[in-house]
Amino acid sequence: MDDGARPAPALDGLLASALVGVASLTLTPAGASGWAWGAPLAELRWYATGLDSPTTVLQLLGNLLLLVPPAVLAVLRRPALAAPGRLGALSVGVAAGIELLQWALPLGRVVSPLDAALNASGAVVAGLVAARLHAAVRPRCTA
Protein backbone atom coordinates (compact mmCIF):
# COMPACT_ATOMS: atom_id res chain seq x y z
CA MET A 1 0.00 0.00 0.00
CA ASP A 2 1.36 3.42 -0.93
CA ASP A 3 1.61 5.83 1.98
CA GLY A 4 1.67 8.90 -0.26
CA ALA A 5 5.34 9.63 0.46
CA ARG A 6 6.44 8.49 -2.98
CA PRO A 7 4.61 9.13 -6.22
CA ALA A 8 3.44 6.06 -8.06
CA PRO A 9 5.73 5.02 -10.92
CA ALA A 10 2.75 5.34 -13.25
CA LEU A 11 2.78 9.09 -12.62
CA ASP A 12 6.29 9.32 -14.06
CA GLY A 13 5.16 7.48 -17.17
CA LEU A 14 2.12 9.70 -17.59
CA LEU A 15 4.24 12.83 -17.21
CA ALA A 16 6.74 11.57 -19.79
CA SER A 17 3.88 10.73 -22.16
CA ALA A 18 2.35 14.18 -21.70
CA LEU A 19 5.67 15.83 -22.52
CA VAL A 20 6.09 13.66 -25.62
CA GLY A 21 2.58 14.69 -26.64
CA VAL A 22 3.42 18.39 -26.21
CA ALA A 23 6.60 17.93 -28.25
CA SER A 24 4.74 16.12 -31.03
CA LEU A 25 2.11 18.86 -31.18
CA THR A 26 4.55 21.75 -31.19
CA LEU A 27 7.84 20.56 -32.66
CA THR A 28 6.79 18.70 -35.79
CA PRO A 29 7.06 20.43 -39.16
CA ALA A 30 4.00 22.43 -40.17
CA GLY A 31 4.65 23.44 -43.73
CA ALA A 32 7.51 25.31 -45.31
CA SER A 33 10.86 25.44 -43.58
CA GLY A 34 11.80 28.42 -41.48
CA TRP A 35 9.44 30.31 -39.21
CA ALA A 36 7.08 33.28 -39.11
CA TRP A 37 6.68 35.92 -36.41
CA GLY A 38 3.32 36.13 -34.67
CA ALA A 39 3.00 39.81 -33.77
CA PRO A 40 1.37 39.90 -30.32
CA LEU A 41 -0.93 42.88 -30.98
CA ALA A 42 -2.12 41.42 -34.27
CA GLU A 43 -2.79 38.10 -32.56
CA LEU A 44 -4.65 39.78 -29.70
CA ARG A 45 -6.81 41.60 -32.24
CA TRP A 46 -7.41 38.31 -34.08
CA TYR A 47 -8.54 36.61 -30.86
CA ALA A 48 -10.68 39.55 -29.73
CA THR A 49 -12.50 39.93 -33.03
CA GLY A 50 -12.74 36.24 -33.91
CA LEU A 51 -14.40 34.62 -30.94
CA ASP A 52 -17.38 33.80 -33.14
CA SER A 53 -15.09 31.71 -35.35
CA PRO A 54 -14.56 28.03 -34.46
CA THR A 55 -10.99 28.28 -35.77
CA THR A 56 -10.16 31.15 -33.42
CA VAL A 57 -11.77 29.47 -30.43
CA LEU A 58 -9.94 26.21 -31.19
CA GLN A 59 -6.62 28.05 -31.43
CA LEU A 60 -7.26 29.91 -28.17
CA LEU A 61 -8.33 26.80 -26.27
CA GLY A 62 -5.46 24.80 -27.74
CA ASN A 63 -2.96 27.36 -26.50
CA LEU A 64 -4.55 27.53 -23.05
CA LEU A 65 -4.75 23.74 -22.70
CA LEU A 66 -1.42 22.69 -24.27
CA LEU A 67 0.56 22.52 -21.05
CA VAL A 68 -2.31 21.55 -18.73
CA PRO A 69 -1.61 17.78 -18.64
CA PRO A 70 2.12 18.12 -17.88
CA ALA A 71 1.48 20.89 -15.34
CA VAL A 72 -1.11 18.86 -13.45
CA LEU A 73 1.06 15.75 -13.49
CA ALA A 74 4.16 17.72 -12.45
CA VAL A 75 2.33 19.20 -9.46
CA LEU A 76 1.09 15.76 -8.44
CA ARG A 77 4.59 14.34 -8.93
CA ARG A 78 6.37 17.17 -7.10
CA PRO A 79 4.00 18.93 -4.69
CA ALA A 80 6.57 21.70 -4.07
CA LEU A 81 5.76 22.92 -7.59
CA ALA A 82 2.31 23.94 -6.35
CA ALA A 83 3.80 27.23 -5.13
CA PRO A 84 2.58 29.87 -7.61
CA GLY A 85 6.05 31.32 -8.17
CA ARG A 86 7.65 27.95 -8.86
CA LEU A 87 4.83 26.79 -11.09
CA GLY A 88 4.81 30.10 -12.94
CA ALA A 89 8.56 30.05 -13.52
CA LEU A 90 8.47 26.46 -14.76
CA SER A 91 5.46 27.10 -17.01
CA VAL A 92 6.94 30.24 -18.53
CA GLY A 93 10.26 28.45 -19.04
CA VAL A 94 8.66 25.51 -20.83
CA ALA A 95 6.40 27.73 -22.96
CA ALA A 96 9.29 30.02 -23.91
CA GLY A 97 11.42 26.97 -24.65
CA ILE A 98 8.81 25.69 -27.09
CA GLU A 99 8.75 29.02 -28.91
CA LEU A 100 12.56 29.18 -28.93
CA LEU A 101 12.77 25.72 -30.46
CA GLN A 102 10.13 26.63 -33.04
CA TRP A 103 12.29 29.61 -33.96
CA ALA A 104 15.58 27.70 -33.99
CA LEU A 105 14.41 24.63 -35.92
CA PRO A 106 13.22 24.77 -39.54
CA LEU A 107 9.67 23.69 -38.75
CA GLY A 108 7.60 26.24 -40.66
CA ARG A 109 5.82 27.31 -37.47
CA VAL A 110 4.67 30.68 -36.16
CA VAL A 111 6.76 31.93 -33.24
CA SER A 112 4.51 33.82 -30.86
CA PRO A 113 5.08 35.34 -27.44
CA LEU A 114 1.30 35.39 -27.01
CA ASP A 115 1.18 31.62 -27.52
CA ALA A 116 3.81 31.24 -24.80
CA ALA A 117 1.82 33.47 -22.44
CA LEU A 118 -1.39 31.53 -23.09
CA ASN A 119 0.40 28.18 -22.66
CA ALA A 120 1.91 29.27 -19.35
CA SER A 121 -1.35 30.81 -18.08
CA GLY A 122 -3.30 27.63 -18.68
CA ALA A 123 -0.58 25.54 -17.03
CA VAL A 124 -0.42 27.72 -13.92
CA VAL A 125 -4.19 27.82 -13.40
CA ALA A 126 -4.58 24.08 -13.96
CA GLY A 127 -1.59 23.20 -11.78
CA LEU A 128 -2.85 25.32 -8.89
CA VAL A 129 -6.38 23.91 -9.18
CA ALA A 130 -5.02 20.35 -9.29
CA ALA A 131 -2.88 20.98 -6.21
CA ARG A 132 -5.88 22.34 -4.30
CA LEU A 133 -8.10 19.45 -5.32
CA HIS A 134 -5.41 16.90 -4.51
CA ALA A 135 -4.89 18.42 -1.06
CA ALA A 136 -8.65 18.39 -0.43
CA VAL A 137 -9.24 14.76 -1.38
CA ARG A 138 -6.11 12.96 -0.23
CA PRO A 139 -6.65 10.99 2.95
CA ARG A 140 -5.39 12.54 6.13
CA CYS A 141 -3.01 10.47 8.26
CA THR A 142 -4.32 9.87 11.75
CA ALA A 143 -2.25 8.41 14.56
C-alpha atoms as a PDB file:
ATOM      1  CA  MET A   1       0.000   0.000   0.000  1.00  0.00           C
ATOM      2  CA  ASP A   2       1.358   3.420  -0.934  1.00  0.00           C
ATOM      3  CA  ASP A   3       1.611   5.829   1.981  1.00  0.00           C
ATOM      4  CA  GLY A   4       1.669   8.900  -0.261  1.00  0.00           C
ATOM      5  CA  ALA A   5       5.336   9.626   0.456  1.00  0.00           C
ATOM      6  CA  ARG A   6       6.444   8.493  -2.983  1.00  0.00           C
ATOM      7  CA  PRO A   7       4.612   9.133  -6.224  1.00  0.00           C
ATOM      8  CA  ALA A   8       3.438   6.056  -8.057  1.00  0.00           C
ATOM      9  CA  PRO A   9       5.734   5.023 -10.919  1.00  0.00           C
ATOM     10  CA  ALA A  10       2.751   5.343 -13.246  1.00  0.00           C
ATOM     11  CA  LEU A  11       2.782   9.093 -12.617  1.00  0.00           C
ATOM     12  CA  ASP A  12       6.294   9.318 -14.056  1.00  0.00           C
ATOM     13  CA  GLY A  13       5.165   7.476 -17.168  1.00  0.00           C
ATOM     14  CA  LEU A  14       2.124   9.701 -17.589  1.00  0.00           C
ATOM     15  CA  LEU A  15       4.239  12.831 -17.211  1.00  0.00           C
ATOM     16  CA  ALA A  16       6.739  11.575 -19.786  1.00  0.00           C
ATOM     17  CA  SER A  17       3.878  10.729 -22.161  1.00  0.00           C
ATOM     18  CA  ALA A  18       2.347  14.181 -21.696  1.00  0.00           C
ATOM     19  CA  LEU A  19       5.670  15.829 -22.518  1.00  0.00           C
ATOM     20  CA  VAL A  20       6.092  13.662 -25.616  1.00  0.00           C
ATOM     21  CA  GLY A  21       2.576  14.694 -26.639  1.00  0.00           C
ATOM     22  CA  VAL A  22       3.421  18.386 -26.214  1.00  0.00           C
ATOM     23  CA  ALA A  23       6.605  17.929 -28.247  1.00  0.00           C
ATOM     24  CA  SER A  24       4.740  16.119 -31.030  1.00  0.00           C
ATOM     25  CA  LEU A  25       2.105  18.858 -31.184  1.00  0.00           C
ATOM     26  CA  THR A  26       4.553  21.754 -31.190  1.00  0.00           C
ATOM     27  CA  LEU A  27       7.837  20.561 -32.664  1.00  0.00           C
ATOM     28  CA  THR A  28       6.791  18.702 -35.788  1.00  0.00           C
ATOM     29  CA  PRO A  29       7.059  20.427 -39.163  1.00  0.00           C
ATOM     30  CA  ALA A  30       3.997  22.428 -40.168  1.00  0.00           C
ATOM     31  CA  GLY A  31       4.650  23.444 -43.728  1.00  0.00           C
ATOM     32  CA  ALA A  32       7.511  25.308 -45.308  1.00  0.00           C
ATOM     33  CA  SER A  33      10.862  25.435 -43.577  1.00  0.00           C
ATOM     34  CA  GLY A  34      11.798  28.424 -41.482  1.00  0.00           C
ATOM     35  CA  TRP A  35       9.445  30.313 -39.210  1.00  0.00           C
ATOM     36  CA  ALA A  36       7.082  33.277 -39.110  1.00  0.00           C
ATOM     37  CA  TRP A  37       6.676  35.917 -36.412  1.00  0.00           C
ATOM     38  CA  GLY A  38       3.318  36.130 -34.671  1.00  0.00           C
ATOM     39  CA  ALA A  39       3.003  39.808 -33.772  1.00  0.00           C
ATOM     40  CA  PRO A  40       1.372  39.904 -30.320  1.00  0.00           C
ATOM     41  CA  LEU A  41      -0.926  42.875 -30.979  1.00  0.00           C
ATOM     42  CA  ALA A  42      -2.121  41.420 -34.273  1.00  0.00           C
ATOM     43  CA  GLU A  43      -2.788  38.096 -32.558  1.00  0.00           C
ATOM     44  CA  LEU A  44      -4.647  39.781 -29.697  1.00  0.00           C
ATOM     45  CA  ARG A  45      -6.808  41.600 -32.236  1.00  0.00           C
ATOM     46  CA  TRP A  46      -7.411  38.305 -34.077  1.00  0.00           C
ATOM     47  CA  TYR A  47      -8.536  36.611 -30.859  1.00  0.00           C
ATOM     48  CA  ALA A  48     -10.678  39.551 -29.726  1.00  0.00           C
ATOM     49  CA  THR A  49     -12.496  39.933 -33.029  1.00  0.00           C
ATOM     50  CA  GLY A  50     -12.742  36.244 -33.908  1.00  0.00           C
ATOM     51  CA  LEU A  51     -14.401  34.617 -30.939  1.00  0.00           C
ATOM     52  CA  ASP A  52     -17.375  33.800 -33.138  1.00  0.00           C
ATOM     53  CA  SER A  53     -15.092  31.707 -35.350  1.00  0.00           C
ATOM     54  CA  PRO A  54     -14.563  28.034 -34.458  1.00  0.00           C
ATOM     55  CA  THR A  55     -10.990  28.277 -35.766  1.00  0.00           C
ATOM     56  CA  THR A  56     -10.156  31.146 -33.421  1.00  0.00           C
ATOM     57  CA  VAL A  57     -11.770  29.468 -30.425  1.00  0.00           C
ATOM     58  CA  LEU A  58      -9.938  26.205 -31.195  1.00  0.00           C
ATOM     59  CA  GLN A  59      -6.616  28.051 -31.428  1.00  0.00           C
ATOM     60  CA  LEU A  60      -7.264  29.907 -28.168  1.00  0.00           C
ATOM     61  CA  LEU A  61      -8.328  26.796 -26.271  1.00  0.00           C
ATOM     62  CA  GLY A  62      -5.460  24.805 -27.739  1.00  0.00           C
ATOM     63  CA  ASN A  63      -2.956  27.363 -26.499  1.00  0.00           C
ATOM     64  CA  LEU A  64      -4.548  27.534 -23.048  1.00  0.00           C
ATOM     65  CA  LEU A  65      -4.747  23.742 -22.697  1.00  0.00           C
ATOM     66  CA  LEU A  66      -1.423  22.687 -24.274  1.00  0.00           C
ATOM     67  CA  LEU A  67       0.563  22.520 -21.047  1.00  0.00           C
ATOM     68  CA  VAL A  68      -2.310  21.551 -18.733  1.00  0.00           C
ATOM     69  CA  PRO A  69      -1.614  17.783 -18.641  1.00  0.00           C
ATOM     70  CA  PRO A  70       2.118  18.119 -17.882  1.00  0.00           C
ATOM     71  CA  ALA A  71       1.477  20.893 -15.344  1.00  0.00           C
ATOM     72  CA  VAL A  72      -1.114  18.860 -13.447  1.00  0.00           C
ATOM     73  CA  LEU A  73       1.061  15.753 -13.492  1.00  0.00           C
ATOM     74  CA  ALA A  74       4.163  17.718 -12.452  1.00  0.00           C
ATOM     75  CA  VAL A  75       2.328  19.198  -9.458  1.00  0.00           C
ATOM     76  CA  LEU A  76       1.094  15.762  -8.442  1.00  0.00           C
ATOM     77  CA  ARG A  77       4.594  14.340  -8.934  1.00  0.00           C
ATOM     78  CA  ARG A  78       6.374  17.167  -7.104  1.00  0.00           C
ATOM     79  CA  PRO A  79       4.001  18.928  -4.689  1.00  0.00           C
ATOM     80  CA  ALA A  80       6.570  21.702  -4.073  1.00  0.00           C
ATOM     81  CA  LEU A  81       5.759  22.924  -7.594  1.00  0.00           C
ATOM     82  CA  ALA A  82       2.312  23.941  -6.350  1.00  0.00           C
ATOM     83  CA  ALA A  83       3.798  27.229  -5.129  1.00  0.00           C
ATOM     84  CA  PRO A  84       2.581  29.866  -7.614  1.00  0.00           C
ATOM     85  CA  GLY A  85       6.048  31.319  -8.168  1.00  0.00           C
ATOM     86  CA  ARG A  86       7.646  27.953  -8.861  1.00  0.00           C
ATOM     87  CA  LEU A  87       4.829  26.789 -11.087  1.00  0.00           C
ATOM     88  CA  GLY A  88       4.805  30.098 -12.935  1.00  0.00           C
ATOM     89  CA  ALA A  89       8.561  30.054 -13.519  1.00  0.00           C
ATOM     90  CA  LEU A  90       8.471  26.463 -14.756  1.00  0.00           C
ATOM     91  CA  SER A  91       5.465  27.097 -17.010  1.00  0.00           C
ATOM     92  CA  VAL A  92       6.942  30.243 -18.533  1.00  0.00           C
ATOM     93  CA  GLY A  93      10.263  28.454 -19.044  1.00  0.00           C
ATOM     94  CA  VAL A  94       8.655  25.509 -20.831  1.00  0.00           C
ATOM     95  CA  ALA A  95       6.398  27.726 -22.964  1.00  0.00           C
ATOM     96  CA  ALA A  96       9.286  30.023 -23.908  1.00  0.00           C
ATOM     97  CA  GLY A  97      11.418  26.967 -24.654  1.00  0.00           C
ATOM     98  CA  ILE A  98       8.815  25.694 -27.090  1.00  0.00           C
ATOM     99  CA  GLU A  99       8.747  29.024 -28.912  1.00  0.00           C
ATOM    100  CA  LEU A 100      12.557  29.183 -28.928  1.00  0.00           C
ATOM    101  CA  LEU A 101      12.771  25.717 -30.459  1.00  0.00           C
ATOM    102  CA  GLN A 102      10.126  26.630 -33.037  1.00  0.00           C
ATOM    103  CA  TRP A 103      12.289  29.615 -33.958  1.00  0.00           C
ATOM    104  CA  ALA A 104      15.580  27.696 -33.994  1.00  0.00           C
ATOM    105  CA  LEU A 105      14.410  24.630 -35.916  1.00  0.00           C
ATOM    106  CA  PRO A 106      13.225  24.768 -39.542  1.00  0.00           C
ATOM    107  CA  LEU A 107       9.671  23.692 -38.752  1.00  0.00           C
ATOM    108  CA  GLY A 108       7.596  26.237 -40.658  1.00  0.00           C
ATOM    109  CA  ARG A 109       5.819  27.307 -37.474  1.00  0.00           C
ATOM    110  CA  VAL A 110       4.673  30.680 -36.160  1.00  0.00           C
ATOM    111  CA  VAL A 111       6.763  31.929 -33.239  1.00  0.00           C
ATOM    112  CA  SER A 112       4.514  33.821 -30.860  1.00  0.00           C
ATOM    113  CA  PRO A 113       5.084  35.340 -27.437  1.00  0.00           C
ATOM    114  CA  LEU A 114       1.302  35.394 -27.014  1.00  0.00           C
ATOM    115  CA  ASP A 115       1.177  31.625 -27.521  1.00  0.00           C
ATOM    116  CA  ALA A 116       3.805  31.236 -24.799  1.00  0.00           C
ATOM    117  CA  ALA A 117       1.823  33.472 -22.441  1.00  0.00           C
ATOM    118  CA  LEU A 118      -1.390  31.531 -23.086  1.00  0.00           C
ATOM    119  CA  ASN A 119       0.399  28.177 -22.661  1.00  0.00           C
ATOM    120  CA  ALA A 120       1.909  29.272 -19.348  1.00  0.00           C
ATOM    121  CA  SER A 121      -1.347  30.811 -18.083  1.00  0.00           C
ATOM    122  CA  GLY A 122      -3.301  27.625 -18.683  1.00  0.00           C
ATOM    123  CA  ALA A 123      -0.576  25.539 -17.029  1.00  0.00           C
ATOM    124  CA  VAL A 124      -0.423  27.720 -13.923  1.00  0.00           C
ATOM    125  CA  VAL A 125      -4.191  27.825 -13.399  1.00  0.00           C
ATOM    126  CA  ALA A 126      -4.579  24.077 -13.958  1.00  0.00           C
ATOM    127  CA  GLY A 127      -1.593  23.204 -11.782  1.00  0.00           C
ATOM    128  CA  LEU A 128      -2.853  25.318  -8.893  1.00  0.00           C
ATOM    129  CA  VAL A 129      -6.377  23.910  -9.178  1.00  0.00           C
ATOM    130  CA  ALA A 130      -5.015  20.353  -9.294  1.00  0.00           C
ATOM    131  CA  ALA A 131      -2.876  20.982  -6.210  1.00  0.00           C
ATOM    132  CA  ARG A 132      -5.883  22.343  -4.300  1.00  0.00           C
ATOM    133  CA  LEU A 133      -8.100  19.449  -5.321  1.00  0.00           C
ATOM    134  CA  HIS A 134      -5.414  16.900  -4.507  1.00  0.00           C
ATOM    135  CA  ALA A 135      -4.890  18.424  -1.058  1.00  0.00           C
ATOM    136  CA  ALA A 136      -8.646  18.388  -0.429  1.00  0.00           C
ATOM    137  CA  VAL A 137      -9.244  14.760  -1.383  1.00  0.00           C
ATOM    138  CA  ARG A 138      -6.107  12.963  -0.231  1.00  0.00           C
ATOM    139  CA  PRO A 139      -6.654  10.986   2.947  1.00  0.00           C
ATOM    140  CA  ARG A 140      -5.392  12.535   6.133  1.00  0.00           C
ATOM    141  CA  CYS A 141      -3.012  10.467   8.259  1.00  0.00           C
ATOM    142  CA  THR A 142      -4.316   9.868  11.754  1.00  0.00           C
ATOM    143  CA  ALA A 143      -2.251   8.412  14.563  1.00  0.00           C
END
